[in-house]
């Protein structure tokens, strides 16, 4: 195999994700196929953590909250089973709290982007016309002195 050529995730020679094609003999002019890239990571087979906004952060913060809640409860009470229950509850609460907070901010950002996009579109559309709000309205007879 030539130096610099990579193996795809399926074990066939091809493009390596994240590495650009240098144009060696086997891959010259070849466009990457979807099979050349790795499959997205899905949590429990349903939650696509890489492509869903806020999913990764929510899961990470939830797992940290689980460890802190469970370990803290264990250090205070020394009850193993109850500490595991508190850890699971902490995971659920922290994950859902982070999820809703992040999704709310994400939706708010999308609305602001849409408003800005519409404003730019209207600015381009109405620029240098009589409908332009920034254009000064001048009256013919009001400019004279008395």
N, C-alpha and C. Protein backbone atom coordinates (compact mmCIF):
# COMPACT_ATOMS: atom_id res chain seq x y z
N UNK A 1 0.85 -1.17 0.00
CA UNK A 1 0.00 0.00 0.00
C UNK A 1 0.90 1.24 0.00
N UNK A 2 0.52 2.25 -0.72
CA UNK A 2 1.35 3.45 -0.87
C UNK A 2 1.34 4.25 0.43
N UNK A 3 2.42 4.99 0.66
CA UNK A 3 2.53 5.81 1.86
C UNK A 3 1.49 6.92 1.79
N UNK A 4 0.79 7.15 2.89
CA UNK A 4 -0.20 8.22 2.93
C UNK A 4 -1.60 7.73 2.59
N UNK A 5 -1.72 6.57 1.97
CA UNK A 5 -3.04 6.04 1.68
C UNK A 5 -3.61 5.45 2.96
N UNK A 6 -4.88 5.60 3.17
CA UNK A 6 -5.48 5.13 4.41
C UNK A 6 -6.47 4.01 4.16
N UNK A 7 -6.93 3.45 5.23
CA UNK A 7 -7.95 2.42 5.18
C UNK A 7 -9.24 3.03 5.67
N UNK A 8 -10.32 2.73 4.99
CA UNK A 8 -11.60 3.23 5.44
C UNK A 8 -12.08 2.40 6.61
N UNK A 9 -13.18 2.79 7.18
CA UNK A 9 -13.72 2.08 8.34
C UNK A 9 -14.18 0.67 7.98
N UNK A 10 -14.44 0.42 6.73
CA UNK A 10 -14.90 -0.89 6.31
C UNK A 10 -13.76 -1.81 5.94
N UNK A 11 -12.52 -1.38 6.11
CA UNK A 11 -11.37 -2.24 5.85
C UNK A 11 -10.89 -2.21 4.42
N UNK A 12 -11.49 -1.38 3.58
CA UNK A 12 -11.04 -1.27 2.21
C UNK A 12 -10.17 -0.03 2.06
N UNK A 13 -9.20 -0.08 1.16
CA UNK A 13 -8.39 1.13 0.97
C UNK A 13 -9.27 2.26 0.47
N UNK A 14 -9.09 3.41 1.04
CA UNK A 14 -9.89 4.56 0.63
C UNK A 14 -9.46 5.79 1.38
N UNK A 15 -10.37 6.75 1.44
CA UNK A 15 -10.08 7.99 2.13
C UNK A 15 -10.25 7.81 3.62
N UNK A 16 -9.37 8.39 4.37
CA UNK A 16 -9.47 8.36 5.82
C UNK A 16 -10.21 9.62 6.23
N UNK A 17 -11.24 9.52 7.08
CA UNK A 17 -11.95 10.73 7.50
C UNK A 17 -11.00 11.71 8.17
N UNK A 18 -11.11 12.97 7.76
CA UNK A 18 -10.26 14.00 8.33
C UNK A 18 -8.95 14.17 7.58
N UNK A 19 -8.60 13.27 6.69
CA UNK A 19 -7.37 13.38 5.92
C UNK A 19 -7.74 13.69 4.47
N UNK A 20 -7.09 14.68 3.90
CA UNK A 20 -7.41 15.05 2.53
C UNK A 20 -6.71 14.13 1.56
N UNK A 21 -7.35 13.94 0.42
CA UNK A 21 -6.79 13.10 -0.63
C UNK A 21 -5.62 13.82 -1.28
N UNK A 22 -4.46 13.21 -1.29
CA UNK A 22 -3.26 13.82 -1.85
C UNK A 22 -3.10 13.48 -3.33
N UNK A 23 -4.02 12.72 -3.89
CA UNK A 23 -3.96 12.42 -5.30
C UNK A 23 -3.02 11.28 -5.65
N UNK A 24 -2.86 10.27 -4.77
CA UNK A 24 -2.02 9.15 -5.13
C UNK A 24 -2.75 8.26 -6.11
N UNK A 25 -2.04 7.30 -6.63
CA UNK A 25 -2.52 6.53 -7.78
C UNK A 25 -3.89 5.92 -7.57
N UNK A 26 -4.17 5.32 -6.42
CA UNK A 26 -5.43 4.64 -6.22
C UNK A 26 -6.61 5.57 -6.01
N UNK A 27 -6.38 6.79 -5.54
CA UNK A 27 -7.48 7.67 -5.19
C UNK A 27 -7.51 8.95 -6.01
N UNK A 28 -6.72 9.04 -7.07
CA UNK A 28 -6.63 10.27 -7.84
C UNK A 28 -7.99 10.60 -8.47
N UNK A 29 -8.50 11.78 -8.16
CA UNK A 29 -9.73 12.25 -8.76
C UNK A 29 -10.98 11.56 -8.21
N UNK A 30 -10.85 10.76 -7.22
CA UNK A 30 -11.97 10.01 -6.68
C UNK A 30 -12.72 10.86 -5.65
N UNK A 31 -14.03 10.90 -5.76
CA UNK A 31 -14.84 11.62 -4.79
C UNK A 31 -15.15 10.68 -3.63
N UNK A 32 -15.17 11.22 -2.43
CA UNK A 32 -15.46 10.36 -1.28
C UNK A 32 -16.90 9.86 -1.33
N UNK A 33 -17.08 8.61 -0.98
CA UNK A 33 -18.41 8.01 -0.91
C UNK A 33 -18.85 7.99 0.54
N UNK A 34 -20.16 7.90 0.78
CA UNK A 34 -20.63 7.85 2.17
C UNK A 34 -20.06 6.66 2.94
N UNK A 35 -19.74 5.57 2.26
CA UNK A 35 -19.19 4.39 2.95
C UNK A 35 -17.77 4.64 3.44
N UNK A 36 -17.11 5.69 2.92
CA UNK A 36 -15.74 5.97 3.33
C UNK A 36 -15.66 6.63 4.70
N UNK A 37 -16.74 7.16 5.17
CA UNK A 37 -16.73 7.87 6.44
C UNK A 37 -17.41 7.02 7.50
N UNK A 38 -17.05 7.30 8.75
CA UNK A 38 -17.57 6.49 9.84
C UNK A 38 -19.04 6.78 10.10
N UNK A 39 -19.71 5.78 10.62
CA UNK A 39 -21.12 5.92 10.94
C UNK A 39 -21.28 6.82 12.16
N UNK A 40 -22.38 7.57 12.24
CA UNK A 40 -22.57 8.44 13.40
C UNK A 40 -22.77 7.63 14.67
N UNK A 41 -22.32 8.18 15.78
CA UNK A 41 -22.46 7.51 17.07
C UNK A 41 -23.88 7.71 17.57
N UNK A 42 -24.58 6.62 17.81
CA UNK A 42 -25.94 6.70 18.31
C UNK A 42 -26.00 6.08 19.69
N UNK A 43 -26.53 6.84 20.63
CA UNK A 43 -26.68 6.37 22.00
C UNK A 43 -27.96 5.56 22.10
N UNK A 44 -27.85 4.33 22.56
CA UNK A 44 -28.97 3.39 22.65
C UNK A 44 -29.63 3.13 21.30
N UNK A 45 -28.93 3.42 20.23
CA UNK A 45 -29.43 3.17 18.89
C UNK A 45 -30.43 4.18 18.38
N UNK A 46 -30.80 5.18 19.18
CA UNK A 46 -31.82 6.13 18.74
C UNK A 46 -31.36 7.58 18.77
N UNK A 47 -30.49 7.94 19.69
CA UNK A 47 -30.10 9.34 19.85
C UNK A 47 -28.77 9.59 19.16
N UNK A 48 -28.81 10.28 18.02
CA UNK A 48 -27.61 10.60 17.25
C UNK A 48 -26.90 11.76 17.93
N UNK A 49 -25.92 11.42 18.77
CA UNK A 49 -25.27 12.41 19.63
C UNK A 49 -24.46 13.42 18.83
N UNK A 50 -23.93 13.04 17.69
CA UNK A 50 -23.08 13.96 16.93
C UNK A 50 -23.87 14.99 16.15
N UNK A 51 -25.05 14.66 15.68
CA UNK A 51 -25.78 15.56 14.78
C UNK A 51 -26.94 16.30 15.42
N UNK A 52 -27.38 15.89 16.59
CA UNK A 52 -28.48 16.58 17.25
C UNK A 52 -27.89 17.66 18.14
N UNK A 53 -28.29 18.92 17.93
CA UNK A 53 -27.76 19.98 18.78
C UNK A 53 -28.11 19.74 20.25
N UNK A 54 -27.19 19.98 21.12
CA UNK A 54 -27.34 19.90 22.57
C UNK A 54 -27.30 18.49 23.14
N UNK A 55 -27.35 17.46 22.33
CA UNK A 55 -27.40 16.10 22.86
C UNK A 55 -26.09 15.73 23.55
N UNK A 56 -24.97 16.04 22.95
CA UNK A 56 -23.68 15.66 23.51
C UNK A 56 -23.45 16.32 24.87
N UNK A 57 -23.66 17.63 24.93
CA UNK A 57 -23.44 18.34 26.18
C UNK A 57 -24.40 17.86 27.27
N UNK A 58 -25.64 17.61 26.91
CA UNK A 58 -26.61 17.16 27.91
C UNK A 58 -26.22 15.82 28.50
N UNK A 59 -25.78 14.90 27.65
CA UNK A 59 -25.37 13.57 28.13
C UNK A 59 -24.13 13.68 29.01
N UNK A 60 -23.17 14.50 28.60
CA UNK A 60 -21.95 14.64 29.39
C UNK A 60 -22.23 15.28 30.75
N UNK A 61 -23.01 16.36 30.76
CA UNK A 61 -23.33 16.99 32.04
C UNK A 61 -24.20 16.07 32.90
N UNK A 62 -25.09 15.30 32.28
CA UNK A 62 -25.91 14.36 33.03
C UNK A 62 -25.09 13.28 33.69
N UNK A 63 -24.10 12.76 32.97
CA UNK A 63 -23.25 11.73 33.57
C UNK A 63 -22.41 12.31 34.71
N UNK A 64 -21.93 13.52 34.56
CA UNK A 64 -21.20 14.16 35.65
C UNK A 64 -22.11 14.40 36.84
N UNK A 65 -23.34 14.85 36.59
CA UNK A 65 -24.30 15.04 37.68
C UNK A 65 -24.63 13.74 38.37
N UNK A 66 -24.68 12.65 37.62
CA UNK A 66 -24.95 11.34 38.19
C UNK A 66 -23.85 10.92 39.15
N UNK A 67 -22.62 11.09 38.72
CA UNK A 67 -21.48 10.71 39.57
C UNK A 67 -21.44 11.57 40.83
N UNK A 68 -21.63 12.87 40.68
CA UNK A 68 -21.58 13.76 41.83
C UNK A 68 -22.72 13.45 42.81
N UNK A 69 -23.93 13.28 42.30
CA UNK A 69 -25.07 13.02 43.18
C UNK A 69 -24.93 11.66 43.87
N UNK A 70 -24.60 10.62 43.11
CA UNK A 70 -24.48 9.29 43.70
C UNK A 70 -23.35 9.19 44.70
N UNK A 71 -22.18 9.72 44.33
CA UNK A 71 -21.03 9.66 45.23
C UNK A 71 -21.24 10.53 46.47
N UNK A 72 -21.83 11.68 46.27
CA UNK A 72 -22.11 12.55 47.42
C UNK A 72 -23.10 11.91 48.38
N UNK A 73 -24.13 11.28 47.84
CA UNK A 73 -25.10 10.61 48.70
C UNK A 73 -24.45 9.42 49.42
N UNK A 74 -23.59 8.70 48.72
CA UNK A 74 -22.92 7.57 49.36
C UNK A 74 -21.99 8.03 50.48
N UNK A 75 -21.26 9.11 50.24
CA UNK A 75 -20.36 9.61 51.28
C UNK A 75 -21.12 10.11 52.51
N UNK A 76 -22.34 10.61 52.32
CA UNK A 76 -23.12 11.11 53.44
C UNK A 76 -23.85 9.99 54.19
N UNK A 77 -24.35 8.96 53.47
CA UNK A 77 -25.21 7.97 54.11
C UNK A 77 -24.64 6.56 54.14
N UNK A 78 -23.69 6.23 53.30
CA UNK A 78 -23.11 4.89 53.16
C UNK A 78 -24.15 3.83 52.77
N UNK A 79 -25.20 4.24 52.10
CA UNK A 79 -26.21 3.30 51.62
C UNK A 79 -26.01 3.13 50.13
N UNK A 80 -25.62 1.93 49.70
CA UNK A 80 -25.22 1.70 48.31
C UNK A 80 -26.41 1.77 47.36
N UNK A 81 -27.44 1.04 47.66
CA UNK A 81 -28.57 0.99 46.73
C UNK A 81 -29.23 2.35 46.57
N UNK A 82 -29.46 3.03 47.68
CA UNK A 82 -30.08 4.36 47.61
C UNK A 82 -29.17 5.34 46.87
N UNK A 83 -27.86 5.19 47.02
CA UNK A 83 -26.92 6.07 46.31
C UNK A 83 -26.99 5.84 44.81
N UNK A 84 -27.17 4.58 44.40
CA UNK A 84 -27.33 4.29 42.96
C UNK A 84 -28.61 4.91 42.43
N UNK A 85 -29.68 4.83 43.23
CA UNK A 85 -30.95 5.45 42.83
C UNK A 85 -30.81 6.96 42.71
N UNK A 86 -30.12 7.57 43.66
CA UNK A 86 -29.90 9.01 43.60
C UNK A 86 -29.04 9.38 42.39
N UNK A 87 -28.06 8.53 42.07
CA UNK A 87 -27.23 8.78 40.88
C UNK A 87 -28.04 8.74 39.60
N UNK A 88 -28.94 7.76 39.48
CA UNK A 88 -29.79 7.67 38.29
C UNK A 88 -30.73 8.87 38.23
N UNK A 89 -31.30 9.23 39.36
CA UNK A 89 -32.16 10.42 39.40
C UNK A 89 -31.41 11.69 39.05
N UNK A 90 -30.17 11.79 39.54
CA UNK A 90 -29.34 12.94 39.20
C UNK A 90 -29.04 13.00 37.71
N UNK A 91 -28.79 11.84 37.12
CA UNK A 91 -28.55 11.81 35.67
C UNK A 91 -29.75 12.31 34.90
N UNK A 92 -30.93 11.82 35.27
CA UNK A 92 -32.15 12.21 34.55
C UNK A 92 -32.42 13.70 34.72
N UNK A 93 -32.34 14.19 35.95
CA UNK A 93 -32.63 15.60 36.20
C UNK A 93 -31.63 16.53 35.51
N UNK A 94 -30.35 16.24 35.64
CA UNK A 94 -29.34 17.12 35.04
C UNK A 94 -29.40 17.05 33.52
N UNK A 95 -29.60 15.85 32.96
CA UNK A 95 -29.68 15.72 31.51
C UNK A 95 -30.87 16.49 30.96
N UNK A 96 -32.04 16.31 31.56
CA UNK A 96 -33.22 17.03 31.07
C UNK A 96 -33.10 18.53 31.29
N UNK A 97 -32.54 18.94 32.42
CA UNK A 97 -32.35 20.36 32.67
C UNK A 97 -31.42 21.00 31.64
N UNK A 98 -30.30 20.35 31.37
CA UNK A 98 -29.36 20.87 30.37
C UNK A 98 -29.98 20.84 28.97
N UNK A 99 -30.72 19.79 28.68
CA UNK A 99 -31.34 19.64 27.36
C UNK A 99 -32.32 20.79 27.09
N UNK A 100 -33.23 21.04 28.04
CA UNK A 100 -34.23 22.08 27.82
C UNK A 100 -33.61 23.47 27.81
N UNK A 101 -32.63 23.70 28.66
CA UNK A 101 -31.94 25.00 28.66
C UNK A 101 -31.23 25.23 27.33
N UNK A 102 -30.52 24.24 26.85
CA UNK A 102 -29.77 24.38 25.61
C UNK A 102 -30.71 24.52 24.41
N UNK A 103 -31.77 23.72 24.37
CA UNK A 103 -32.71 23.81 23.24
C UNK A 103 -33.45 25.14 23.23
N UNK A 104 -33.75 25.68 24.41
CA UNK A 104 -34.39 26.99 24.47
C UNK A 104 -33.46 28.06 23.89
N UNK A 105 -32.19 28.04 24.30
CA UNK A 105 -31.23 29.01 23.76
C UNK A 105 -31.01 28.80 22.27
N UNK A 106 -31.01 27.55 21.83
CA UNK A 106 -30.83 27.25 20.40
C UNK A 106 -32.01 27.79 19.59
N UNK A 107 -33.23 27.60 20.08
CA UNK A 107 -34.41 28.12 19.38
C UNK A 107 -34.40 29.65 19.36
N UNK A 108 -33.99 30.26 20.47
CA UNK A 108 -33.91 31.72 20.53
C UNK A 108 -32.90 32.25 19.52
N UNK A 109 -31.76 31.57 19.41
CA UNK A 109 -30.74 31.97 18.45
C UNK A 109 -31.23 31.83 17.01
N UNK A 110 -31.95 30.74 16.73
CA UNK A 110 -32.50 30.55 15.38
C UNK A 110 -33.49 31.65 15.02
N UNK A 111 -34.31 32.07 15.98
CA UNK A 111 -35.27 33.15 15.72
C UNK A 111 -34.53 34.46 15.45
N UNK A 112 -33.48 34.74 16.23
CA UNK A 112 -32.70 35.96 16.00
C UNK A 112 -32.02 35.93 14.64
N UNK A 113 -31.50 34.76 14.24
CA UNK A 113 -30.89 34.65 12.92
C UNK A 113 -31.90 34.88 11.81
N UNK A 114 -33.11 34.34 11.97
CA UNK A 114 -34.15 34.51 10.96
C UNK A 114 -34.55 35.97 10.84
N UNK A 115 -34.68 36.67 11.98
CA UNK A 115 -35.03 38.09 11.95
C UNK A 115 -33.93 38.90 11.27
N UNK A 116 -32.67 38.59 11.59
CA UNK A 116 -31.55 39.31 10.96
C UNK A 116 -31.50 39.03 9.46
N UNK A 117 -31.74 37.78 9.07
CA UNK A 117 -31.73 37.41 7.65
C UNK A 117 -32.83 38.16 6.89
N UNK A 118 -34.04 38.26 7.49
CA UNK A 118 -35.11 38.99 6.85
C UNK A 118 -34.80 40.48 6.76
N UNK A 119 -34.17 41.03 7.80
CA UNK A 119 -33.78 42.44 7.78
C UNK A 119 -32.76 42.74 6.69
N UNK A 120 -31.80 41.86 6.52
CA UNK A 120 -30.80 42.04 5.47
C UNK A 120 -31.45 41.93 4.10
N UNK A 121 -32.37 40.97 3.96
CA UNK A 121 -33.07 40.81 2.68
C UNK A 121 -33.88 42.05 2.35
N UNK A 122 -34.58 42.61 3.35
CA UNK A 122 -35.36 43.83 3.11
C UNK A 122 -34.47 45.01 2.82
N UNK A 123 -33.33 45.10 3.48
CA UNK A 123 -32.39 46.19 3.22
C UNK A 123 -31.90 46.15 1.77
N UNK A 124 -31.57 44.95 1.31
CA UNK A 124 -31.12 44.80 -0.08
C UNK A 124 -32.26 45.10 -1.05
N UNK A 125 -33.46 44.67 -0.71
CA UNK A 125 -34.61 44.82 -1.60
C UNK A 125 -35.04 46.27 -1.74
N UNK A 126 -35.07 47.01 -0.62
CA UNK A 126 -35.60 48.37 -0.63
C UNK A 126 -34.54 49.45 -0.74
N UNK A 127 -33.28 49.10 -0.84
CA UNK A 127 -32.22 50.10 -0.90
C UNK A 127 -32.37 50.95 -2.16
N UNK A 128 -32.25 52.25 -2.00
CA UNK A 128 -32.32 53.25 -3.07
C UNK A 128 -33.69 53.30 -3.75
N UNK A 129 -34.72 52.93 -3.05
CA UNK A 129 -36.07 53.09 -3.58
C UNK A 129 -36.81 54.09 -2.70
N UNK A 130 -38.02 54.46 -3.12
CA UNK A 130 -38.80 55.40 -2.30
C UNK A 130 -39.31 54.75 -1.01
N UNK A 131 -39.21 53.43 -0.90
CA UNK A 131 -39.64 52.73 0.31
C UNK A 131 -38.52 52.56 1.33
N UNK A 132 -37.31 53.03 1.01
CA UNK A 132 -36.16 52.88 1.90
C UNK A 132 -36.36 53.77 3.13
N UNK A 133 -36.42 53.21 4.35
CA UNK A 133 -36.65 54.04 5.54
C UNK A 133 -35.46 54.94 5.88
N UNK A 134 -34.27 54.63 5.42
CA UNK A 134 -33.10 55.46 5.71
C UNK A 134 -32.96 56.63 4.75
N UNK A 135 -33.68 56.60 3.66
CA UNK A 135 -33.60 57.68 2.68
C UNK A 135 -34.34 58.91 3.21
N UNK A 136 -33.72 60.06 3.13
CA UNK A 136 -34.31 61.29 3.65
C UNK A 136 -35.43 61.75 2.71
N UNK A 137 -36.56 62.08 3.31
CA UNK A 137 -37.68 62.60 2.54
C UNK A 137 -37.52 64.12 2.45
N UNK A 138 -37.37 64.64 1.25
CA UNK A 138 -37.20 66.07 1.08
C UNK A 138 -38.44 66.63 0.39
N UNK A 139 -38.93 67.75 0.91
CA UNK A 139 -40.06 68.43 0.29
C UNK A 139 -39.54 69.60 -0.53
N UNK A 140 -40.14 69.87 -1.68
CA UNK A 140 -39.65 70.89 -2.60
C UNK A 140 -39.77 72.29 -2.07
N UNK A 141 -40.83 72.67 -1.31
CA UNK A 141 -41.03 74.06 -0.92
C UNK A 141 -40.59 74.37 0.50
N UNK A 142 -40.09 73.45 1.28
CA UNK A 142 -39.77 73.74 2.68
C UNK A 142 -38.33 74.14 2.89
N UNK A 143 -37.51 74.20 1.87
CA UNK A 143 -36.10 74.48 2.04
C UNK A 143 -35.75 75.96 1.98
N UNK A 144 -36.65 76.90 1.67
CA UNK A 144 -36.32 78.31 1.50
C UNK A 144 -36.29 79.08 2.80
N UNK A 145 -35.63 80.29 2.77
CA UNK A 145 -35.56 81.14 3.94
C UNK A 145 -36.61 82.23 3.84
N UNK A 146 -37.01 82.82 4.95
CA UNK A 146 -38.02 83.84 4.93
C UNK A 146 -37.50 85.23 5.10
